[in-house]
Amino acid sequence: MKADVANSPTGGVGALERATLAAEIHDLYDGQGDGDRLLAAFRAAALYVPFAAVDADRDPETSVADADDAQDQAMCSGEADGVRWLYAFTSTAELERFARARAEAGTDPGWASGRIRYWTVLGSRLLDIAVPAAVAESRTPAGVAVDVGGIRPLLLPPLSGVVPDQVAVDLIDRTPGARPRSAGEA
């Protein structure tokens, strides 16, 4: 299995930030985690975000997508308990482990070729841009699942302080005609 970057301005950068995030996740699992440091590390890290699948019409051996192709691809995500989770990974090894498991299970047959196409995206852009876009598209809450299926997965839920207030489930008033509250409102 080989992960291939798709035209990304952050493709070759961010190793230090990803290592910092991995260390923060490790600290969390050891009971020494700090939510603010973890969230700051996530926002600064350039993470690997896989495409949902390779198109059937596309040559799976193509290693790099052009910018137009990248815009036509959807981020890989899953839904659990009414939340859409956008998948992001701290390393290509974690991404490849995830893709291998999904290909073996038949969940993503496009990855059976052994090629995984991905973007490299800053965590801040995932939270500030991709999550609201996913909510607008699916009309369900969205969060980010980091290293899902790995040894130390992390869920960043759709809560205030993590995602933008307008899509934070704890700030959305479910009564008809209500407007979203800001974090400071009661």
N, C-alpha and C. Protein backbone atom coordinates (compact mmCIF):
# COMPACT_ATOMS: atom_id res chain seq x y z
N MET A 1 0.86 -1.16 0.00
CA MET A 1 0.00 0.00 0.00
C MET A 1 0.90 1.23 0.00
N LYS A 2 0.58 2.18 -0.85
CA LYS A 2 1.40 3.38 -0.97
C LYS A 2 0.49 4.60 -0.99
N ALA A 3 0.78 5.56 -0.12
CA ALA A 3 0.02 6.80 -0.08
C ALA A 3 0.65 7.81 -1.03
N ASP A 4 -0.18 8.46 -1.84
CA ASP A 4 0.30 9.43 -2.82
C ASP A 4 -0.31 10.79 -2.54
N VAL A 5 0.54 11.80 -2.47
CA VAL A 5 0.06 13.16 -2.23
C VAL A 5 -0.60 13.72 -3.48
N ALA A 6 -1.65 14.47 -3.31
CA ALA A 6 -2.34 15.13 -4.41
C ALA A 6 -2.12 16.62 -4.29
N ASN A 7 -1.40 17.19 -5.22
CA ASN A 7 -1.13 18.62 -5.33
C ASN A 7 -1.50 19.41 -4.08
N SER A 8 -0.59 19.51 -3.14
CA SER A 8 -0.85 20.16 -1.87
C SER A 8 0.28 21.12 -1.53
N PRO A 9 -0.04 22.36 -1.14
CA PRO A 9 1.01 23.30 -0.82
C PRO A 9 1.76 22.94 0.45
N THR A 10 1.21 22.07 1.29
CA THR A 10 1.89 21.69 2.52
C THR A 10 2.42 20.26 2.47
N GLY A 11 2.51 19.68 1.28
CA GLY A 11 2.88 18.29 1.11
C GLY A 11 4.17 17.87 1.78
N GLY A 12 5.22 18.70 1.74
CA GLY A 12 6.50 18.30 2.28
C GLY A 12 6.85 18.96 3.60
N VAL A 13 5.92 19.63 4.22
CA VAL A 13 6.23 20.34 5.46
C VAL A 13 5.41 19.80 6.61
N GLY A 14 5.77 20.23 7.81
CA GLY A 14 4.95 19.92 8.96
C GLY A 14 5.38 18.74 9.81
N ALA A 15 6.56 18.16 9.56
CA ALA A 15 6.98 17.00 10.34
C ALA A 15 7.07 17.32 11.83
N LEU A 16 7.62 18.47 12.17
CA LEU A 16 7.75 18.86 13.58
C LEU A 16 6.37 19.03 14.22
N GLU A 17 5.46 19.68 13.51
CA GLU A 17 4.12 19.90 14.05
C GLU A 17 3.36 18.59 14.21
N ARG A 18 3.52 17.66 13.24
CA ARG A 18 2.87 16.36 13.37
C ARG A 18 3.46 15.59 14.55
N ALA A 19 4.76 15.68 14.75
CA ALA A 19 5.40 15.01 15.89
C ALA A 19 4.91 15.61 17.20
N THR A 20 4.72 16.92 17.23
CA THR A 20 4.20 17.58 18.43
C THR A 20 2.78 17.09 18.71
N LEU A 21 1.96 17.00 17.68
CA LEU A 21 0.60 16.49 17.85
C LEU A 21 0.62 15.05 18.35
N ALA A 22 1.45 14.22 17.74
CA ALA A 22 1.55 12.82 18.17
C ALA A 22 1.97 12.73 19.64
N ALA A 23 2.88 13.61 20.07
CA ALA A 23 3.31 13.63 21.48
C ALA A 23 2.16 14.06 22.39
N GLU A 24 1.37 15.03 21.96
CA GLU A 24 0.22 15.48 22.76
C GLU A 24 -0.82 14.36 22.87
N ILE A 25 -1.05 13.63 21.79
CA ILE A 25 -1.99 12.51 21.83
C ILE A 25 -1.45 11.44 22.78
N HIS A 26 -0.16 11.17 22.71
CA HIS A 26 0.46 10.20 23.61
C HIS A 26 0.27 10.62 25.06
N ASP A 27 0.51 11.92 25.36
CA ASP A 27 0.31 12.43 26.71
C ASP A 27 -1.13 12.26 27.17
N LEU A 28 -2.07 12.49 26.26
CA LEU A 28 -3.48 12.32 26.60
C LEU A 28 -3.76 10.89 27.03
N TYR A 29 -3.23 9.92 26.28
CA TYR A 29 -3.44 8.51 26.61
C TYR A 29 -2.72 8.12 27.90
N ASP A 30 -1.66 8.84 28.25
CA ASP A 30 -0.93 8.57 29.49
C ASP A 30 -1.53 9.31 30.68
N GLY A 31 -2.64 10.02 30.46
CA GLY A 31 -3.28 10.74 31.55
C GLY A 31 -2.64 12.08 31.86
N GLN A 32 -1.73 12.53 31.01
CA GLN A 32 -1.03 13.80 31.23
C GLN A 32 -1.43 14.85 30.20
N GLY A 33 -2.51 14.63 29.50
CA GLY A 33 -2.90 15.51 28.41
C GLY A 33 -3.42 16.86 28.87
N ASP A 34 -3.28 17.83 28.00
CA ASP A 34 -3.80 19.17 28.22
C ASP A 34 -4.60 19.54 26.98
N GLY A 35 -5.89 19.75 27.15
CA GLY A 35 -6.77 20.00 26.01
C GLY A 35 -6.37 21.19 25.17
N ASP A 36 -5.95 22.27 25.82
CA ASP A 36 -5.56 23.47 25.06
C ASP A 36 -4.31 23.21 24.22
N ARG A 37 -3.31 22.55 24.82
CA ARG A 37 -2.09 22.22 24.07
C ARG A 37 -2.39 21.26 22.93
N LEU A 38 -3.25 20.27 23.20
CA LEU A 38 -3.62 19.30 22.18
C LEU A 38 -4.31 19.99 21.00
N LEU A 39 -5.26 20.84 21.28
CA LEU A 39 -5.98 21.54 20.21
C LEU A 39 -5.03 22.47 19.44
N ALA A 40 -4.14 23.16 20.14
CA ALA A 40 -3.16 24.04 19.45
C ALA A 40 -2.24 23.21 18.56
N ALA A 41 -1.81 22.05 19.04
CA ALA A 41 -0.94 21.18 18.24
C ALA A 41 -1.68 20.66 17.02
N PHE A 42 -2.95 20.30 17.19
CA PHE A 42 -3.75 19.83 16.06
C PHE A 42 -3.89 20.94 15.02
N ARG A 43 -4.22 22.14 15.45
CA ARG A 43 -4.44 23.24 14.52
C ARG A 43 -3.16 23.57 13.74
N ALA A 44 -1.99 23.38 14.33
CA ALA A 44 -0.72 23.72 13.68
C ALA A 44 -0.19 22.60 12.78
N ALA A 45 -0.68 21.39 12.97
CA ALA A 45 -0.13 20.23 12.24
C ALA A 45 -0.69 20.13 10.82
N ALA A 46 0.17 19.74 9.90
CA ALA A 46 -0.25 19.42 8.52
C ALA A 46 -0.54 17.92 8.50
N LEU A 47 -1.83 17.59 8.39
CA LEU A 47 -2.29 16.21 8.50
C LEU A 47 -2.58 15.61 7.13
N TYR A 48 -2.56 14.30 7.05
CA TYR A 48 -2.85 13.58 5.82
C TYR A 48 -4.34 13.24 5.78
N VAL A 49 -5.02 13.72 4.75
CA VAL A 49 -6.47 13.55 4.61
C VAL A 49 -6.74 12.79 3.31
N PRO A 50 -7.21 11.54 3.40
CA PRO A 50 -7.42 10.74 2.19
C PRO A 50 -8.66 11.13 1.41
N PHE A 51 -8.58 10.91 0.10
CA PHE A 51 -9.76 11.02 -0.76
C PHE A 51 -10.65 9.83 -0.44
N ALA A 52 -11.94 9.95 -0.70
CA ALA A 52 -12.88 8.87 -0.41
C ALA A 52 -12.54 7.60 -1.19
N ALA A 53 -12.18 7.72 -2.46
CA ALA A 53 -11.81 6.56 -3.27
C ALA A 53 -11.26 7.06 -4.59
N VAL A 54 -10.59 6.18 -5.30
CA VAL A 54 -10.12 6.50 -6.64
C VAL A 54 -11.26 6.23 -7.60
N ASP A 55 -11.50 7.16 -8.53
CA ASP A 55 -12.56 6.98 -9.52
C ASP A 55 -12.31 5.72 -10.33
N ALA A 56 -13.38 5.03 -10.69
CA ALA A 56 -13.25 3.81 -11.49
C ALA A 56 -12.66 4.12 -12.86
N ASP A 57 -12.91 5.32 -13.40
CA ASP A 57 -12.40 5.68 -14.72
C ASP A 57 -10.93 6.10 -14.69
N ARG A 58 -10.39 6.34 -13.53
CA ARG A 58 -9.04 6.85 -13.39
C ARG A 58 -8.05 5.70 -13.26
N ASP A 59 -6.88 5.89 -13.81
CA ASP A 59 -5.81 4.90 -13.68
C ASP A 59 -5.32 4.91 -12.24
N PRO A 60 -5.48 3.81 -11.49
CA PRO A 60 -5.07 3.80 -10.09
C PRO A 60 -3.56 3.94 -9.91
N GLU A 61 -2.80 3.77 -10.98
CA GLU A 61 -1.35 3.93 -10.87
C GLU A 61 -0.92 5.39 -10.95
N THR A 62 -1.85 6.29 -11.26
CA THR A 62 -1.51 7.70 -11.30
C THR A 62 -1.11 8.13 -9.91
N SER A 63 0.05 8.72 -9.77
CA SER A 63 0.55 9.00 -8.43
C SER A 63 0.17 10.37 -7.90
N VAL A 64 -0.08 11.33 -8.76
CA VAL A 64 -0.38 12.67 -8.29
C VAL A 64 -1.54 13.24 -9.09
N ALA A 65 -2.50 13.80 -8.40
CA ALA A 65 -3.64 14.41 -9.08
C ALA A 65 -3.30 15.85 -9.42
N ASP A 66 -3.94 16.37 -10.47
CA ASP A 66 -3.76 17.79 -10.71
C ASP A 66 -4.78 18.55 -9.87
N ALA A 67 -4.66 19.86 -9.81
CA ALA A 67 -5.49 20.67 -8.92
C ALA A 67 -6.98 20.50 -9.23
N ASP A 68 -7.37 20.42 -10.49
CA ASP A 68 -8.78 20.25 -10.83
C ASP A 68 -9.31 18.91 -10.34
N ASP A 69 -8.52 17.84 -10.48
CA ASP A 69 -8.95 16.53 -10.00
C ASP A 69 -9.11 16.54 -8.49
N ALA A 70 -8.20 17.20 -7.78
CA ALA A 70 -8.25 17.24 -6.33
C ALA A 70 -9.52 17.91 -5.85
N GLN A 71 -9.98 18.94 -6.55
CA GLN A 71 -11.19 19.63 -6.14
C GLN A 71 -12.42 18.77 -6.34
N ASP A 72 -12.38 17.81 -7.26
CA ASP A 72 -13.53 16.95 -7.53
C ASP A 72 -13.61 15.76 -6.57
N GLN A 73 -12.59 15.53 -5.77
CA GLN A 73 -12.57 14.39 -4.87
C GLN A 73 -13.14 14.79 -3.51
N ALA A 74 -13.81 13.86 -2.86
CA ALA A 74 -14.37 14.08 -1.54
C ALA A 74 -13.43 13.55 -0.47
N MET A 75 -13.42 14.22 0.67
CA MET A 75 -12.64 13.74 1.80
C MET A 75 -13.26 12.44 2.30
N CYS A 76 -12.43 11.53 2.73
CA CYS A 76 -12.91 10.28 3.30
C CYS A 76 -13.50 10.59 4.68
N SER A 77 -14.69 10.09 4.92
CA SER A 77 -15.35 10.32 6.20
C SER A 77 -16.25 9.14 6.53
N GLY A 78 -16.69 9.11 7.75
CA GLY A 78 -17.63 8.09 8.18
C GLY A 78 -18.64 8.72 9.13
N GLU A 79 -19.72 8.00 9.37
CA GLU A 79 -20.74 8.53 10.27
C GLU A 79 -20.97 7.55 11.40
N ALA A 80 -21.05 8.08 12.61
CA ALA A 80 -21.34 7.26 13.79
C ALA A 80 -22.14 8.11 14.77
N ASP A 81 -23.21 7.54 15.27
CA ASP A 81 -24.05 8.21 16.27
C ASP A 81 -24.48 9.60 15.85
N GLY A 82 -24.82 9.77 14.56
CA GLY A 82 -25.33 11.04 14.08
C GLY A 82 -24.28 12.11 13.85
N VAL A 83 -23.00 11.75 13.90
CA VAL A 83 -21.91 12.70 13.64
C VAL A 83 -21.11 12.21 12.45
N ARG A 84 -20.84 13.12 11.53
CA ARG A 84 -19.96 12.80 10.40
C ARG A 84 -18.53 13.10 10.84
N TRP A 85 -17.66 12.11 10.71
CA TRP A 85 -16.27 12.24 11.12
C TRP A 85 -15.38 12.32 9.89
N LEU A 86 -14.65 13.43 9.76
CA LEU A 86 -13.68 13.59 8.68
C LEU A 86 -12.39 12.94 9.16
N TYR A 87 -11.80 12.09 8.32
CA TYR A 87 -10.61 11.35 8.72
C TYR A 87 -9.34 12.13 8.40
N ALA A 88 -8.43 12.16 9.37
CA ALA A 88 -7.12 12.80 9.20
C ALA A 88 -6.08 11.94 9.92
N PHE A 89 -4.84 11.97 9.42
CA PHE A 89 -3.81 11.08 9.96
C PHE A 89 -2.52 11.84 10.22
N THR A 90 -1.81 11.42 11.27
CA THR A 90 -0.56 12.07 11.66
C THR A 90 0.64 11.54 10.89
N SER A 91 0.47 10.42 10.21
CA SER A 91 1.58 9.86 9.42
C SER A 91 1.01 9.07 8.25
N THR A 92 1.85 8.89 7.23
CA THR A 92 1.40 8.06 6.11
C THR A 92 1.28 6.61 6.55
N ALA A 93 2.05 6.19 7.56
CA ALA A 93 1.93 4.81 8.06
C ALA A 93 0.55 4.58 8.66
N GLU A 94 0.06 5.55 9.45
CA GLU A 94 -1.30 5.44 10.02
C GLU A 94 -2.34 5.43 8.91
N LEU A 95 -2.16 6.30 7.91
CA LEU A 95 -3.09 6.35 6.78
C LEU A 95 -3.09 5.02 6.03
N GLU A 96 -1.93 4.46 5.77
CA GLU A 96 -1.84 3.20 5.05
C GLU A 96 -2.46 2.05 5.84
N ARG A 97 -2.29 2.04 7.17
CA ARG A 97 -2.92 1.01 8.02
C ARG A 97 -4.44 1.08 7.89
N PHE A 98 -4.98 2.29 7.96
CA PHE A 98 -6.42 2.52 7.82
C PHE A 98 -6.91 2.06 6.45
N ALA A 99 -6.21 2.48 5.40
CA ALA A 99 -6.62 2.13 4.03
C ALA A 99 -6.55 0.62 3.80
N ARG A 100 -5.53 -0.01 4.32
CA ARG A 100 -5.39 -1.47 4.16
C ARG A 100 -6.58 -2.18 4.80
N ALA A 101 -6.96 -1.76 6.00
CA ALA A 101 -8.08 -2.39 6.69
C ALA A 101 -9.39 -2.18 5.92
N ARG A 102 -9.59 -0.98 5.37
CA ARG A 102 -10.81 -0.70 4.61
C ARG A 102 -10.83 -1.46 3.29
N ALA A 103 -9.69 -1.57 2.64
CA ALA A 103 -9.63 -2.33 1.38
C ALA A 103 -9.90 -3.81 1.64
N GLU A 104 -9.31 -4.36 2.71
CA GLU A 104 -9.52 -5.77 3.05
C GLU A 104 -10.97 -6.05 3.42
N ALA A 105 -11.62 -5.07 4.06
CA ALA A 105 -13.03 -5.24 4.45
C ALA A 105 -13.98 -4.97 3.30
N GLY A 106 -13.45 -4.47 2.18
CA GLY A 106 -14.29 -4.17 1.04
C GLY A 106 -15.01 -2.84 1.15
N THR A 107 -14.68 -2.05 2.18
CA THR A 107 -15.34 -0.76 2.40
C THR A 107 -14.95 0.26 1.34
N ASP A 108 -13.70 0.27 0.94
CA ASP A 108 -13.22 1.18 -0.09
C ASP A 108 -12.50 0.39 -1.17
N PRO A 109 -13.24 -0.18 -2.12
CA PRO A 109 -12.61 -1.00 -3.16
C PRO A 109 -11.65 -0.21 -4.03
N GLY A 110 -11.78 1.11 -4.09
CA GLY A 110 -10.86 1.92 -4.87
C GLY A 110 -9.44 1.85 -4.34
N TRP A 111 -9.28 1.48 -3.06
CA TRP A 111 -7.95 1.38 -2.48
C TRP A 111 -7.34 -0.01 -2.64
N ALA A 112 -8.09 -0.94 -3.22
CA ALA A 112 -7.58 -2.30 -3.40
C ALA A 112 -6.34 -2.33 -4.28
N SER A 113 -6.19 -1.29 -5.12
CA SER A 113 -5.01 -1.21 -5.98
C SER A 113 -3.74 -1.00 -5.17
N GLY A 114 -3.90 -0.62 -3.92
CA GLY A 114 -2.73 -0.34 -3.09
C GLY A 114 -2.31 1.11 -3.12
N ARG A 115 -3.02 1.95 -3.85
CA ARG A 115 -2.70 3.37 -3.94
C ARG A 115 -3.73 4.17 -3.15
N ILE A 116 -3.27 5.06 -2.30
CA ILE A 116 -4.14 5.93 -1.54
C ILE A 116 -3.77 7.35 -1.89
N ARG A 117 -4.75 8.10 -2.37
CA ARG A 117 -4.49 9.50 -2.71
C ARG A 117 -4.96 10.36 -1.55
N TYR A 118 -4.17 11.37 -1.22
CA TYR A 118 -4.50 12.22 -0.08
C TYR A 118 -4.04 13.65 -0.30
N TRP A 119 -4.61 14.52 0.50
CA TRP A 119 -4.16 15.90 0.60
C TRP A 119 -3.39 16.04 1.90
N THR A 120 -2.56 17.04 2.00
CA THR A 120 -1.96 17.42 3.26
C THR A 120 -2.62 18.74 3.64
N VAL A 121 -3.30 18.75 4.79
CA VAL A 121 -4.14 19.88 5.18
C VAL A 121 -3.81 20.28 6.62
N LEU A 122 -3.72 21.59 6.85
CA LEU A 122 -3.52 22.06 8.22
C LEU A 122 -4.75 21.75 9.07
N GLY A 123 -4.52 21.35 10.29
CA GLY A 123 -5.62 21.06 11.20
C GLY A 123 -6.56 22.24 11.36
N SER A 124 -6.02 23.45 11.37
CA SER A 124 -6.86 24.64 11.50
C SER A 124 -7.84 24.73 10.33
N ARG A 125 -7.40 24.39 9.13
CA ARG A 125 -8.28 24.44 7.97
C ARG A 125 -9.34 23.33 8.02
N LEU A 126 -8.98 22.18 8.58
CA LEU A 126 -9.97 21.13 8.76
C LEU A 126 -11.10 21.60 9.68
N LEU A 127 -10.71 22.20 10.81
CA LEU A 127 -11.72 22.63 11.77
C LEU A 127 -12.50 23.85 11.28
N ASP A 128 -11.81 24.82 10.71
CA ASP A 128 -12.44 26.10 10.38
C ASP A 128 -13.15 26.11 9.03
N ILE A 129 -12.73 25.26 8.10
CA ILE A 129 -13.30 25.28 6.75
C ILE A 129 -13.98 23.95 6.41
N ALA A 130 -13.27 22.83 6.58
CA ALA A 130 -13.83 21.54 6.15
C ALA A 130 -15.02 21.10 7.01
N VAL A 131 -14.94 21.30 8.31
CA VAL A 131 -16.06 20.88 9.17
C VAL A 131 -17.33 21.67 8.84
N PRO A 132 -17.29 23.01 8.78
CA PRO A 132 -18.52 23.73 8.38
C PRO A 132 -19.03 23.33 7.00
N ALA A 133 -18.11 23.07 6.06
CA ALA A 133 -18.54 22.63 4.72
C ALA A 133 -19.22 21.27 4.79
N ALA A 134 -18.70 20.38 5.60
CA ALA A 134 -19.32 19.05 5.75
C ALA A 134 -20.71 19.17 6.38
N VAL A 135 -20.84 20.07 7.35
CA VAL A 135 -22.16 20.29 7.98
C VAL A 135 -23.14 20.84 6.96
N ALA A 136 -22.69 21.81 6.16
CA ALA A 136 -23.56 22.40 5.14
C ALA A 136 -23.99 21.35 4.11
N GLU A 137 -23.09 20.45 3.76
CA GLU A 137 -23.39 19.42 2.76
C GLU A 137 -24.32 18.34 3.29
N SER A 138 -24.03 17.85 4.49
CA SER A 138 -24.78 16.69 5.00
C SER A 138 -25.89 17.05 5.98
N ARG A 139 -25.88 18.28 6.47
CA ARG A 139 -26.87 18.73 7.47
C ARG A 139 -26.81 17.89 8.75
N THR A 140 -25.64 17.33 9.03
CA THR A 140 -25.41 16.62 10.29
C THR A 140 -24.17 17.20 10.95
N PRO A 141 -24.05 17.11 12.27
CA PRO A 141 -22.85 17.59 12.95
C PRO A 141 -21.61 16.88 12.40
N ALA A 142 -20.48 17.58 12.43
CA ALA A 142 -19.23 16.99 11.93
C ALA A 142 -18.08 17.31 12.87
N GLY A 143 -17.17 16.36 12.97
CA GLY A 143 -15.95 16.51 13.75
C GLY A 143 -14.82 15.87 12.97
N VAL A 144 -13.65 15.77 13.61
CA VAL A 144 -12.49 15.18 12.96
C VAL A 144 -12.02 13.98 13.77
N ALA A 145 -11.79 12.86 13.09
CA ALA A 145 -11.25 11.65 13.70
C ALA A 145 -9.80 11.52 13.24
N VAL A 146 -8.88 11.56 14.18
CA VAL A 146 -7.45 11.50 13.88
C VAL A 146 -6.95 10.08 14.13
N ASP A 147 -6.21 9.55 13.16
CA ASP A 147 -5.61 8.21 13.26
C ASP A 147 -6.64 7.14 13.63
N VAL A 148 -7.84 7.27 13.04
CA VAL A 148 -8.91 6.31 13.30
C VAL A 148 -8.42 4.91 12.90
N GLY A 149 -8.68 3.95 13.75
CA GLY A 149 -8.24 2.58 13.50
C GLY A 149 -6.80 2.35 13.93
N GLY A 150 -6.15 3.37 14.45
CA GLY A 150 -4.76 3.24 14.88
C GLY A 150 -4.66 2.89 16.36
N ILE A 151 -3.45 2.95 16.86
CA ILE A 151 -3.18 2.61 18.26
C ILE A 151 -3.72 3.67 19.20
N ARG A 152 -3.60 4.95 18.80
CA ARG A 152 -4.05 6.06 19.63
C ARG A 152 -4.94 7.00 18.83
N PRO A 153 -6.19 6.60 18.57
CA PRO A 153 -7.07 7.49 17.82
C PRO A 153 -7.51 8.67 18.69
N LEU A 154 -7.92 9.73 18.04
CA LEU A 154 -8.37 10.94 18.72
C LEU A 154 -9.60 11.46 18.01
N LEU A 155 -10.63 11.81 18.75
CA LEU A 155 -11.82 12.42 18.18
C LEU A 155 -11.89 13.88 18.62
N LEU A 156 -12.05 14.77 17.66
CA LEU A 156 -12.28 16.19 17.94
C LEU A 156 -13.75 16.44 17.63
N PRO A 157 -14.58 16.48 18.67
CA PRO A 157 -16.04 16.52 18.47
C PRO A 157 -16.54 17.89 18.03
N PRO A 158 -17.77 17.94 17.54
CA PRO A 158 -18.35 19.19 17.09
C PRO A 158 -18.86 20.03 18.26
N LEU A 159 -17.95 20.45 19.13
CA LEU A 159 -18.29 21.24 20.31
C LEU A 159 -17.62 22.61 20.25
N SER A 160 -18.22 23.58 20.96
CA SER A 160 -17.65 24.92 21.00
C SER A 160 -16.23 24.83 21.58
N GLY A 161 -15.37 25.68 21.07
CA GLY A 161 -13.97 25.66 21.46
C GLY A 161 -13.14 24.73 20.60
N VAL A 162 -13.81 23.84 19.85
CA VAL A 162 -13.11 22.93 18.94
C VAL A 162 -13.43 23.33 17.50
N VAL A 163 -14.72 23.37 17.16
CA VAL A 163 -15.16 23.77 15.82
C VAL A 163 -15.76 25.17 15.91
N PRO A 164 -15.96 25.83 14.78
CA PRO A 164 -16.58 27.16 14.81
C PRO A 164 -17.95 27.12 15.50
N ASP A 165 -18.27 28.21 16.21
CA ASP A 165 -19.51 28.27 16.98
C ASP A 165 -20.75 27.95 16.17
N GLN A 166 -20.81 28.37 14.89
CA GLN A 166 -22.03 28.17 14.11
C GLN A 166 -22.33 26.70 13.83
N VAL A 167 -21.36 25.80 14.03
CA VAL A 167 -21.60 24.36 13.81
C VAL A 167 -21.37 23.53 15.08
N ALA A 168 -21.16 24.19 16.21
CA ALA A 168 -20.95 23.49 17.48
C ALA A 168 -22.30 23.04 18.02
N VAL A 169 -22.46 21.74 18.24
CA VAL A 169 -23.75 21.20 18.64
C VAL A 169 -24.19 21.70 20.01
N ASP A 170 -23.26 22.07 20.88
CA ASP A 170 -23.66 22.55 22.20
C ASP A 170 -24.14 23.99 22.18
N LEU A 171 -24.00 24.67 21.05
CA LEU A 171 -24.47 26.06 20.93
C LEU A 171 -25.67 26.21 20.01
N ILE A 172 -26.08 25.12 19.38
CA ILE A 172 -27.20 25.20 18.44
C ILE A 172 -28.50 24.98 19.20
N ASP A 173 -29.38 25.97 19.12
CA ASP A 173 -30.70 25.87 19.72
C ASP A 173 -31.59 25.14 18.73
N ARG A 174 -32.15 24.04 19.12
CA ARG A 174 -32.93 23.18 18.22
C ARG A 174 -34.37 23.65 18.04
N THR A 175 -34.77 24.74 18.71
CA THR A 175 -36.14 25.22 18.53
C THR A 175 -36.27 25.89 17.17
N PRO A 176 -37.42 25.72 16.50
CA PRO A 176 -37.61 26.31 15.17
C PRO A 176 -37.42 27.83 15.18
N GLY A 177 -36.66 28.33 14.21
CA GLY A 177 -36.44 29.76 14.06
C GLY A 177 -35.36 30.34 14.94
N ALA A 178 -34.75 29.54 15.80
CA ALA A 178 -33.71 30.06 16.70
C ALA A 178 -32.42 30.27 15.94
N ARG A 179 -31.62 31.22 16.38
CA ARG A 179 -30.31 31.47 15.78
C ARG A 179 -29.24 30.84 16.66
N PRO A 180 -28.08 30.48 16.07
CA PRO A 180 -27.00 29.92 16.89
C PRO A 180 -26.52 30.92 17.92
N ARG A 181 -26.22 30.44 19.12
CA ARG A 181 -25.66 31.28 20.18
C ARG A 181 -24.16 31.34 20.03
N SER A 182 -23.55 32.38 20.55
CA SER A 182 -22.09 32.43 20.61
C SER A 182 -21.67 31.78 21.93
N ALA A 183 -20.40 31.48 22.06
CA ALA A 183 -19.90 30.78 23.24
C ALA A 183 -20.17 31.54 24.53
N GLY A 184 -20.25 32.88 24.49
CA GLY A 184 -20.44 33.67 25.70
C GLY A 184 -21.90 33.84 26.10
N GLU A 185 -22.83 33.47 25.25
CA GLU A 185 -24.25 33.65 25.55
C GLU A 185 -24.79 32.48 26.36
N ALA A 186 -25.77 32.78 27.20
CA ALA A 186 -26.40 31.73 28.02
C ALA A 186 -27.62 31.18 27.31
